[in-house]
Amino acid sequence: MRAQIFVDNKLIFTTDTAAHVITDFEQTHEIDLLLRGVR
């Protein structure tokens, strides 16, 4: 899983880490991802 945050159609943040896909939603409560600013 990756995360990207866009503001006004511009990429502002992207993940610096990767996480496995959530396969058991009932057992997964949170995932910590490190976001990096994009210039």
Protein backbone atom coordinates (compact mmCIF):
# COMPACT_ATOMS: atom_id res chain seq x y z
CA MET A 1 0.00 0.00 0.00
CA ARG A 2 1.21 3.50 -0.80
CA ALA A 3 -0.20 6.86 0.13
CA GLN A 4 -0.07 10.09 -1.84
CA ILE A 5 -1.58 13.44 -0.91
CA PHE A 6 -2.51 15.90 -3.64
CA VAL A 7 -3.54 19.55 -3.19
CA ASP A 8 -4.89 21.42 -6.20
CA ASN A 9 -3.82 18.48 -8.42
CA LYS A 10 -0.20 18.78 -7.23
CA LEU A 11 1.57 15.96 -5.41
CA ILE A 12 2.49 17.30 -1.97
CA PHE A 13 3.36 14.17 0.05
CA THR A 14 4.16 10.55 -0.76
CA THR A 15 5.04 7.59 1.44
CA ASP A 16 8.65 6.76 2.18
CA THR A 17 7.69 3.31 3.44
CA ALA A 18 5.68 0.42 2.08
CA ALA A 19 3.05 -1.58 3.95
CA HIS A 20 1.46 -4.89 3.08
CA VAL A 21 -2.06 -4.84 1.72
CA ILE A 22 -4.70 -5.12 4.43
CA THR A 23 -6.37 -8.51 4.03
CA ASP A 24 -8.20 -8.68 7.39
CA PHE A 25 -9.97 -5.38 7.99
CA GLU A 26 -11.42 -6.60 11.33
CA GLN A 27 -7.93 -7.16 12.77
CA THR A 28 -6.24 -4.08 11.31
CA HIS A 29 -6.82 -0.86 13.22
CA GLU A 30 -4.03 1.39 12.00
CA ILE A 31 -0.94 1.51 9.80
CA ASP A 32 1.96 3.88 10.36
CA LEU A 33 3.37 5.39 7.18
CA LEU A 34 6.18 7.94 6.92
CA LEU A 35 5.25 10.76 4.54
CA ARG A 36 7.86 12.79 2.66
CA GLY A 37 7.27 16.21 1.17
CA VAL A 38 7.61 16.49 -2.61
CA ARG A 39 9.14 19.60 -4.13
